[in-house]
Amino acid sequence: MKIRTVPIISLLMIALNNSAIAGDAPPSSDLIAEREQVIHQYVLDLGKADYQDITSLFEKGGTVISTSRGNVDAKEFFYSFLPDVQSATTKFNQEFISRTDKDRYTARFHFTFKLKDGETGDGEYVDEFLFGSKSAKLTSVYMFENLKFNVKN
């Protein structure tokens, strides 16, 4: 009896291809829910000026990339800003999940704050959140310049 090698090789190729595709599977619904909760907590922490809790949402070595300060360690960024906040409020508006990068999310929110020195800020913000692979911890947050006009939800 002669074994046909072509069909066996074909089956092996199909199996390898399917296992590679399984590695690229989207995050579980539980992980998506955890990540969405992290984003909501991030916005809440801004409104509470809670620099300790907001930095706990990041992996060790997590970064913030902002138009004002460039690429900075997340703890350094929030510890240098949020303790100076006298009062703040936030309103969460929208969340988006990337179709091409399963670890990338975006949120739009309104942030109003008053610093202890009297400086005020008020605007609509869009932040991009990058999570660690299969993790609910943030590796980076990209902060885009705020919109200083009224935005309709």
N, C-alpha and C. Protein backbone atom coordinates (compact mmCIF):
# COMPACT_ATOMS: atom_id res chain seq x y z
N MET A 1 0.84 -1.17 0.00
CA MET A 1 0.00 0.00 0.00
C MET A 1 0.88 1.24 0.00
N LYS A 2 0.60 2.13 -0.92
CA LYS A 2 1.38 3.35 -1.05
C LYS A 2 0.61 4.51 -0.42
N ILE A 3 1.27 5.22 0.51
CA ILE A 3 0.63 6.36 1.18
C ILE A 3 0.77 7.58 0.30
N ARG A 4 -0.32 8.26 0.14
CA ARG A 4 -0.31 9.49 -0.65
C ARG A 4 0.14 10.63 0.26
N THR A 5 1.29 11.22 -0.03
CA THR A 5 1.86 12.26 0.82
C THR A 5 1.25 13.63 0.57
N VAL A 6 0.76 13.87 -0.60
CA VAL A 6 0.21 15.19 -0.90
C VAL A 6 -0.97 15.51 0.00
N PRO A 7 -1.96 14.62 0.15
CA PRO A 7 -3.07 14.95 1.03
C PRO A 7 -2.62 15.16 2.49
N ILE A 8 -1.64 14.37 2.96
CA ILE A 8 -1.17 14.53 4.34
C ILE A 8 -0.49 15.88 4.50
N ILE A 9 0.33 16.26 3.54
CA ILE A 9 0.98 17.57 3.59
C ILE A 9 -0.06 18.67 3.53
N SER A 10 -1.06 18.50 2.69
CA SER A 10 -2.13 19.50 2.61
C SER A 10 -2.85 19.66 3.94
N LEU A 11 -3.15 18.52 4.58
CA LEU A 11 -3.81 18.59 5.89
C LEU A 11 -2.93 19.26 6.93
N LEU A 12 -1.63 18.96 6.88
CA LEU A 12 -0.70 19.59 7.81
C LEU A 12 -0.66 21.10 7.59
N MET A 13 -0.64 21.53 6.34
CA MET A 13 -0.63 22.97 6.02
C MET A 13 -1.91 23.64 6.53
N ILE A 14 -3.03 22.99 6.34
CA ILE A 14 -4.30 23.55 6.81
C ILE A 14 -4.29 23.66 8.33
N ALA A 15 -3.80 22.63 9.01
CA ALA A 15 -3.75 22.66 10.48
C ALA A 15 -2.83 23.77 10.97
N LEU A 16 -1.67 23.92 10.35
CA LEU A 16 -0.75 24.99 10.75
C LEU A 16 -1.36 26.36 10.51
N ASN A 17 -2.03 26.52 9.38
CA ASN A 17 -2.67 27.79 9.07
C ASN A 17 -3.76 28.11 10.09
N ASN A 18 -4.57 27.12 10.44
CA ASN A 18 -5.63 27.34 11.42
C ASN A 18 -5.08 27.67 12.80
N SER A 19 -3.96 27.06 13.18
CA SER A 19 -3.38 27.39 14.49
C SER A 19 -2.81 28.79 14.48
N ALA A 20 -2.27 29.24 13.35
CA ALA A 20 -1.77 30.61 13.26
C ALA A 20 -2.92 31.60 13.35
N ILE A 21 -4.03 31.28 12.72
CA ILE A 21 -5.20 32.15 12.79
C ILE A 21 -5.74 32.20 14.21
N ALA A 22 -5.75 31.06 14.89
CA ALA A 22 -6.23 31.03 16.27
C ALA A 22 -5.39 31.92 17.17
N GLY A 23 -4.10 32.05 16.90
CA GLY A 23 -3.23 32.94 17.66
C GLY A 23 -3.61 34.39 17.48
N ASP A 24 -4.25 34.72 16.39
CA ASP A 24 -4.67 36.09 16.11
C ASP A 24 -6.12 36.32 16.49
N ALA A 25 -6.67 35.43 17.26
CA ALA A 25 -8.08 35.54 17.64
C ALA A 25 -8.32 36.83 18.41
N PRO A 26 -9.50 37.39 18.25
CA PRO A 26 -9.82 38.62 18.99
C PRO A 26 -9.85 38.33 20.49
N PRO A 27 -9.69 39.38 21.30
CA PRO A 27 -9.74 39.18 22.75
C PRO A 27 -11.10 38.62 23.18
N SER A 28 -11.10 37.91 24.28
CA SER A 28 -12.36 37.36 24.80
C SER A 28 -13.28 38.50 25.21
N SER A 29 -14.56 38.19 25.31
CA SER A 29 -15.52 39.22 25.72
C SER A 29 -15.22 39.69 27.15
N ASP A 30 -14.68 38.80 28.00
CA ASP A 30 -14.30 39.21 29.36
C ASP A 30 -13.16 40.22 29.32
N LEU A 31 -12.16 39.98 28.48
CA LEU A 31 -11.03 40.91 28.38
C LEU A 31 -11.48 42.25 27.81
N ILE A 32 -12.34 42.22 26.81
CA ILE A 32 -12.87 43.47 26.25
C ILE A 32 -13.60 44.26 27.34
N ALA A 33 -14.42 43.58 28.13
CA ALA A 33 -15.15 44.25 29.21
C ALA A 33 -14.18 44.83 30.25
N GLU A 34 -13.12 44.09 30.58
CA GLU A 34 -12.13 44.60 31.54
C GLU A 34 -11.44 45.84 30.99
N ARG A 35 -11.09 45.81 29.71
CA ARG A 35 -10.43 46.96 29.10
C ARG A 35 -11.35 48.18 29.07
N GLU A 36 -12.61 47.95 28.74
CA GLU A 36 -13.57 49.06 28.74
C GLU A 36 -13.70 49.65 30.14
N GLN A 37 -13.68 48.80 31.17
CA GLN A 37 -13.74 49.28 32.55
C GLN A 37 -12.50 50.11 32.88
N VAL A 38 -11.34 49.69 32.42
CA VAL A 38 -10.10 50.44 32.65
C VAL A 38 -10.21 51.84 32.04
N ILE A 39 -10.75 51.93 30.83
CA ILE A 39 -10.90 53.23 30.17
C ILE A 39 -11.86 54.12 30.95
N HIS A 40 -12.97 53.56 31.38
CA HIS A 40 -13.93 54.35 32.18
C HIS A 40 -13.28 54.78 33.50
N GLN A 41 -12.51 53.90 34.12
CA GLN A 41 -11.84 54.24 35.38
C GLN A 41 -10.81 55.35 35.16
N TYR A 42 -10.11 55.30 34.04
CA TYR A 42 -9.13 56.33 33.67
C TYR A 42 -9.81 57.71 33.63
N VAL A 43 -10.95 57.78 32.96
CA VAL A 43 -11.68 59.05 32.85
C VAL A 43 -12.19 59.48 34.23
N LEU A 44 -12.71 58.55 35.02
CA LEU A 44 -13.15 58.88 36.38
C LEU A 44 -11.99 59.39 37.23
N ASP A 45 -10.83 58.73 37.12
CA ASP A 45 -9.66 59.14 37.90
C ASP A 45 -9.19 60.54 37.53
N LEU A 46 -9.30 60.90 36.26
CA LEU A 46 -8.98 62.28 35.88
C LEU A 46 -9.91 63.25 36.60
N GLY A 47 -11.19 62.94 36.65
CA GLY A 47 -12.17 63.80 37.31
C GLY A 47 -11.97 63.88 38.81
N LYS A 48 -11.38 62.84 39.40
CA LYS A 48 -11.10 62.84 40.84
C LYS A 48 -9.67 63.30 41.12
N ALA A 49 -8.90 63.55 40.07
CA ALA A 49 -7.47 63.90 40.20
C ALA A 49 -6.74 62.84 41.02
N ASP A 50 -7.09 61.59 40.79
CA ASP A 50 -6.52 60.47 41.55
C ASP A 50 -5.30 59.91 40.82
N TYR A 51 -4.15 60.52 41.09
CA TYR A 51 -2.93 60.14 40.38
C TYR A 51 -2.45 58.75 40.78
N GLN A 52 -2.76 58.29 41.98
CA GLN A 52 -2.33 56.95 42.39
C GLN A 52 -3.12 55.88 41.66
N ASP A 53 -4.44 56.04 41.61
CA ASP A 53 -5.26 55.02 40.95
C ASP A 53 -5.04 55.02 39.44
N ILE A 54 -4.93 56.19 38.84
CA ILE A 54 -4.78 56.23 37.38
C ILE A 54 -3.47 55.55 36.95
N THR A 55 -2.41 55.70 37.74
CA THR A 55 -1.15 55.06 37.36
C THR A 55 -1.19 53.55 37.60
N SER A 56 -2.08 53.09 38.48
CA SER A 56 -2.21 51.64 38.71
C SER A 56 -2.85 50.93 37.51
N LEU A 57 -3.43 51.69 36.59
CA LEU A 57 -4.04 51.11 35.40
C LEU A 57 -3.00 50.73 34.34
N PHE A 58 -1.75 51.19 34.54
CA PHE A 58 -0.67 50.97 33.58
C PHE A 58 0.23 49.80 33.99
N GLU A 59 0.79 49.13 32.98
CA GLU A 59 1.86 48.17 33.23
C GLU A 59 3.08 48.94 33.74
N LYS A 60 3.97 48.25 34.41
CA LYS A 60 5.23 48.87 34.83
C LYS A 60 5.93 49.38 33.57
N GLY A 61 6.39 50.62 33.62
CA GLY A 61 7.05 51.21 32.46
C GLY A 61 6.09 51.80 31.45
N GLY A 62 4.80 51.86 31.79
CA GLY A 62 3.81 52.44 30.88
C GLY A 62 4.10 53.91 30.60
N THR A 63 3.66 54.38 29.45
CA THR A 63 3.97 55.74 29.04
C THR A 63 2.73 56.52 28.64
N VAL A 64 2.89 57.85 28.69
CA VAL A 64 1.90 58.78 28.16
C VAL A 64 2.61 59.58 27.08
N ILE A 65 1.99 59.67 25.92
CA ILE A 65 2.52 60.48 24.82
C ILE A 65 1.53 61.62 24.63
N SER A 66 1.98 62.84 24.93
CA SER A 66 1.07 63.99 24.87
C SER A 66 1.64 65.09 24.00
N THR A 67 0.75 65.95 23.54
CA THR A 67 1.19 67.09 22.73
C THR A 67 1.95 68.10 23.59
N SER A 68 1.69 68.10 24.90
CA SER A 68 2.35 69.08 25.77
C SER A 68 3.71 68.63 26.28
N ARG A 69 3.90 67.31 26.50
CA ARG A 69 5.14 66.86 27.13
C ARG A 69 5.89 65.79 26.35
N GLY A 70 5.34 65.31 25.26
CA GLY A 70 6.02 64.25 24.52
C GLY A 70 5.82 62.90 25.18
N ASN A 71 6.81 62.00 25.04
CA ASN A 71 6.75 60.64 25.56
C ASN A 71 7.31 60.61 26.99
N VAL A 72 6.45 60.37 27.98
CA VAL A 72 6.83 60.45 29.39
C VAL A 72 6.32 59.21 30.12
N ASP A 73 7.06 58.78 31.13
CA ASP A 73 6.61 57.70 32.00
C ASP A 73 5.24 58.09 32.58
N ALA A 74 4.29 57.15 32.59
CA ALA A 74 2.92 57.45 33.03
C ALA A 74 2.89 57.97 34.47
N LYS A 75 3.64 57.33 35.34
CA LYS A 75 3.64 57.77 36.74
C LYS A 75 4.18 59.19 36.85
N GLU A 76 5.28 59.48 36.15
CA GLU A 76 5.84 60.83 36.16
C GLU A 76 4.84 61.85 35.63
N PHE A 77 4.16 61.50 34.54
CA PHE A 77 3.20 62.42 33.93
C PHE A 77 2.07 62.77 34.91
N PHE A 78 1.41 61.76 35.44
CA PHE A 78 0.24 62.02 36.29
C PHE A 78 0.63 62.57 37.66
N TYR A 79 1.77 62.15 38.20
CA TYR A 79 2.21 62.67 39.50
C TYR A 79 2.65 64.13 39.39
N SER A 80 3.02 64.58 38.20
CA SER A 80 3.43 65.98 38.04
C SER A 80 2.25 66.90 37.73
N PHE A 81 1.10 66.33 37.42
CA PHE A 81 -0.05 67.14 37.01
C PHE A 81 -1.23 67.04 37.98
N LEU A 82 -1.68 65.85 38.26
CA LEU A 82 -2.92 65.68 39.02
C LEU A 82 -2.86 66.19 40.47
N PRO A 83 -1.72 66.12 41.18
CA PRO A 83 -1.70 66.69 42.54
C PRO A 83 -1.94 68.21 42.56
N ASP A 84 -1.72 68.88 41.42
CA ASP A 84 -1.93 70.32 41.33
C ASP A 84 -3.37 70.70 41.00
N VAL A 85 -4.22 69.70 40.79
CA VAL A 85 -5.62 69.95 40.44
C VAL A 85 -6.42 70.23 41.71
N GLN A 86 -7.07 71.39 41.73
CA GLN A 86 -7.93 71.76 42.86
C GLN A 86 -9.30 71.12 42.72
N SER A 87 -9.84 71.17 41.50
CA SER A 87 -11.15 70.57 41.24
C SER A 87 -11.21 70.17 39.77
N ALA A 88 -12.02 69.14 39.50
CA ALA A 88 -12.14 68.67 38.11
C ALA A 88 -13.43 67.89 37.95
N THR A 89 -13.90 67.84 36.71
CA THR A 89 -15.03 67.00 36.35
C THR A 89 -14.75 66.38 34.99
N THR A 90 -15.32 65.21 34.78
CA THR A 90 -15.21 64.55 33.48
C THR A 90 -16.58 64.04 33.07
N LYS A 91 -16.76 63.93 31.78
CA LYS A 91 -17.97 63.31 31.23
C LYS A 91 -17.53 62.41 30.09
N PHE A 92 -17.77 61.12 30.25
CA PHE A 92 -17.42 60.13 29.23
C PHE A 92 -18.42 60.23 28.08
N ASN A 93 -17.93 60.29 26.85
CA ASN A 93 -18.82 60.41 25.69
C ASN A 93 -18.86 59.16 24.82
N GLN A 94 -17.71 58.72 24.32
CA GLN A 94 -17.71 57.60 23.38
C GLN A 94 -16.45 56.77 23.54
N GLU A 95 -16.56 55.52 23.10
CA GLU A 95 -15.42 54.61 23.08
C GLU A 95 -15.40 53.91 21.73
N PHE A 96 -14.20 53.68 21.24
CA PHE A 96 -14.03 53.01 19.95
C PHE A 96 -12.99 51.91 20.11
N ILE A 97 -13.18 50.80 19.41
CA ILE A 97 -12.22 49.70 19.41
C ILE A 97 -11.68 49.56 17.99
N SER A 98 -10.37 49.48 17.87
CA SER A 98 -9.74 49.37 16.56
C SER A 98 -10.12 48.06 15.88
N ARG A 99 -10.37 48.12 14.60
CA ARG A 99 -10.64 46.91 13.82
C ARG A 99 -9.36 46.21 13.41
N THR A 100 -8.27 46.96 13.36
CA THR A 100 -7.02 46.38 12.86
C THR A 100 -6.01 46.05 13.95
N ASP A 101 -6.17 46.60 15.14
CA ASP A 101 -5.25 46.33 16.25
C ASP A 101 -6.09 46.02 17.48
N LYS A 102 -6.19 44.75 17.81
CA LYS A 102 -7.09 44.30 18.89
C LYS A 102 -6.73 44.84 20.27
N ASP A 103 -5.55 45.43 20.41
CA ASP A 103 -5.11 45.97 21.70
C ASP A 103 -5.25 47.48 21.79
N ARG A 104 -5.87 48.11 20.79
CA ARG A 104 -5.94 49.57 20.72
C ARG A 104 -7.40 50.04 20.78
N TYR A 105 -7.67 50.95 21.71
CA TYR A 105 -8.99 51.52 21.92
C TYR A 105 -8.85 53.04 21.92
N THR A 106 -9.96 53.74 21.74
CA THR A 106 -9.97 55.20 21.79
C THR A 106 -11.22 55.64 22.55
N ALA A 107 -11.08 56.74 23.28
CA ALA A 107 -12.23 57.29 23.99
C ALA A 107 -12.25 58.80 23.83
N ARG A 108 -13.47 59.33 23.78
CA ARG A 108 -13.67 60.79 23.74
C ARG A 108 -14.41 61.18 25.00
N PHE A 109 -13.90 62.22 25.67
CA PHE A 109 -14.50 62.65 26.93
C PHE A 109 -14.28 64.14 27.12
N HIS A 110 -15.11 64.72 27.98
CA HIS A 110 -14.98 66.13 28.32
C HIS A 110 -14.28 66.22 29.67
N PHE A 111 -13.31 67.12 29.78
CA PHE A 111 -12.52 67.28 31.00
C PHE A 111 -12.43 68.77 31.32
N THR A 112 -12.92 69.13 32.50
CA THR A 112 -12.84 70.50 33.00
C THR A 112 -12.06 70.46 34.31
N PHE A 113 -11.07 71.35 34.44
CA PHE A 113 -10.29 71.34 35.68
C PHE A 113 -9.85 72.75 36.06
N LYS A 114 -9.56 72.89 37.34
CA LYS A 114 -8.99 74.13 37.87
C LYS A 114 -7.78 73.73 38.71
N LEU A 115 -6.63 74.33 38.39
CA LEU A 115 -5.42 74.04 39.14
C LEU A 115 -5.36 74.91 40.40
N LYS A 116 -4.55 74.51 41.34
CA LYS A 116 -4.41 75.25 42.60
C LYS A 116 -3.88 76.67 42.38
N ASP A 117 -3.15 76.89 41.27
CA ASP A 117 -2.64 78.24 40.98
C ASP A 117 -3.67 79.11 40.24
N GLY A 118 -4.88 78.57 40.03
CA GLY A 118 -5.95 79.33 39.39
C GLY A 118 -6.12 79.06 37.90
N GLU A 119 -5.14 78.42 37.27
CA GLU A 119 -5.25 78.09 35.84
C GLU A 119 -6.41 77.12 35.63
N THR A 120 -7.14 77.32 34.54
CA THR A 120 -8.27 76.44 34.24
C THR A 120 -8.09 75.79 32.88
N GLY A 121 -8.74 74.68 32.72
CA GLY A 121 -8.76 73.98 31.44
C GLY A 121 -10.13 73.40 31.22
N ASP A 122 -10.56 73.39 29.99
CA ASP A 122 -11.89 72.89 29.67
C ASP A 122 -11.90 72.48 28.21
N GLY A 123 -12.23 71.24 27.93
CA GLY A 123 -12.28 70.84 26.53
C GLY A 123 -12.67 69.40 26.34
N GLU A 124 -12.80 69.07 25.08
CA GLU A 124 -13.13 67.72 24.65
C GLU A 124 -11.81 67.05 24.30
N TYR A 125 -11.59 65.87 24.85
CA TYR A 125 -10.32 65.16 24.66
C TYR A 125 -10.57 63.83 23.97
N VAL A 126 -9.59 63.41 23.19
CA VAL A 126 -9.59 62.09 22.58
C VAL A 126 -8.26 61.45 22.97
N ASP A 127 -8.34 60.35 23.70
CA ASP A 127 -7.14 59.61 24.08
C ASP A 127 -7.19 58.23 23.45
N GLU A 128 -6.03 57.78 23.01
CA GLU A 128 -5.90 56.44 22.44
C GLU A 128 -5.20 55.56 23.47
N PHE A 129 -5.76 54.39 23.73
CA PHE A 129 -5.29 53.49 24.78
C PHE A 129 -4.70 52.24 24.14
N LEU A 130 -3.46 51.93 24.47
CA LEU A 130 -2.81 50.72 23.98
C LEU A 130 -2.62 49.78 25.16
N PHE A 131 -3.22 48.60 25.06
CA PHE A 131 -3.13 47.60 26.12
C PHE A 131 -2.05 46.58 25.79
N GLY A 132 -1.50 45.97 26.83
CA GLY A 132 -0.57 44.87 26.64
C GLY A 132 -1.32 43.70 26.02
N SER A 133 -0.60 42.85 25.31
CA SER A 133 -1.21 41.70 24.66
C SER A 133 -1.90 40.81 25.70
N LYS A 134 -3.16 40.52 25.47
CA LYS A 134 -3.98 39.68 26.35
C LYS A 134 -4.00 40.21 27.78
N SER A 135 -3.95 41.54 27.93
CA SER A 135 -3.89 42.17 29.25
C SER A 135 -4.89 43.32 29.34
N ALA A 136 -5.33 43.59 30.56
CA ALA A 136 -6.18 44.76 30.81
C ALA A 136 -5.36 45.91 31.37
N LYS A 137 -4.04 45.79 31.32
CA LYS A 137 -3.15 46.87 31.77
C LYS A 137 -2.73 47.69 30.56
N LEU A 138 -2.65 48.99 30.76
CA LEU A 138 -2.24 49.90 29.69
C LEU A 138 -0.72 49.90 29.52
N THR A 139 -0.27 49.91 28.27
CA THR A 139 1.16 50.12 28.02
C THR A 139 1.41 51.58 27.66
N SER A 140 0.45 52.20 26.96
CA SER A 140 0.60 53.60 26.56
C SER A 140 -0.77 54.25 26.40
N VAL A 141 -0.77 55.56 26.64
CA VAL A 141 -1.93 56.38 26.31
C VAL A 141 -1.42 57.53 25.46
N TYR A 142 -2.02 57.70 24.29
CA TYR A 142 -1.70 58.81 23.40
C TYR A 142 -2.77 59.87 23.61
N MET A 143 -2.34 61.05 24.05
CA MET A 143 -3.28 62.15 24.29
C MET A 143 -3.23 63.11 23.11
N PHE A 144 -4.38 63.35 22.52
CA PHE A 144 -4.44 64.28 21.40
C PHE A 144 -4.96 65.62 21.89
N GLU A 145 -4.57 66.66 21.21
CA GLU A 145 -4.93 68.02 21.62
C GLU A 145 -6.43 68.15 21.79
N ASN A 146 -6.81 68.90 22.82
CA ASN A 146 -8.24 69.03 23.10
C ASN A 146 -8.93 69.98 22.12
N LEU A 147 -10.23 69.78 22.00
CA LEU A 147 -11.07 70.63 21.16
C LEU A 147 -11.73 71.65 22.06
N LYS A 148 -11.53 72.91 21.81
CA LYS A 148 -12.03 73.96 22.71
C LYS A 148 -13.35 74.55 22.22
N PHE A 149 -14.15 73.75 21.59
CA PHE A 149 -15.47 74.22 21.18
C PHE A 149 -16.48 73.18 21.63
N ASN A 150 -17.73 73.57 21.68
CA ASN A 150 -18.77 72.64 22.11
C ASN A 150 -18.95 71.53 21.09
N VAL A 151 -18.98 70.32 21.57
CA VAL A 151 -19.15 69.16 20.72
C VAL A 151 -20.49 68.54 21.04
N LYS A 152 -21.26 68.25 20.01
CA LYS A 152 -22.55 67.58 20.23
C LYS A 152 -22.28 66.09 20.38
N ASN A 153 -22.88 65.50 21.38
CA ASN A 153 -22.67 64.08 21.64
C ASN A 153 -23.26 63.30 20.51
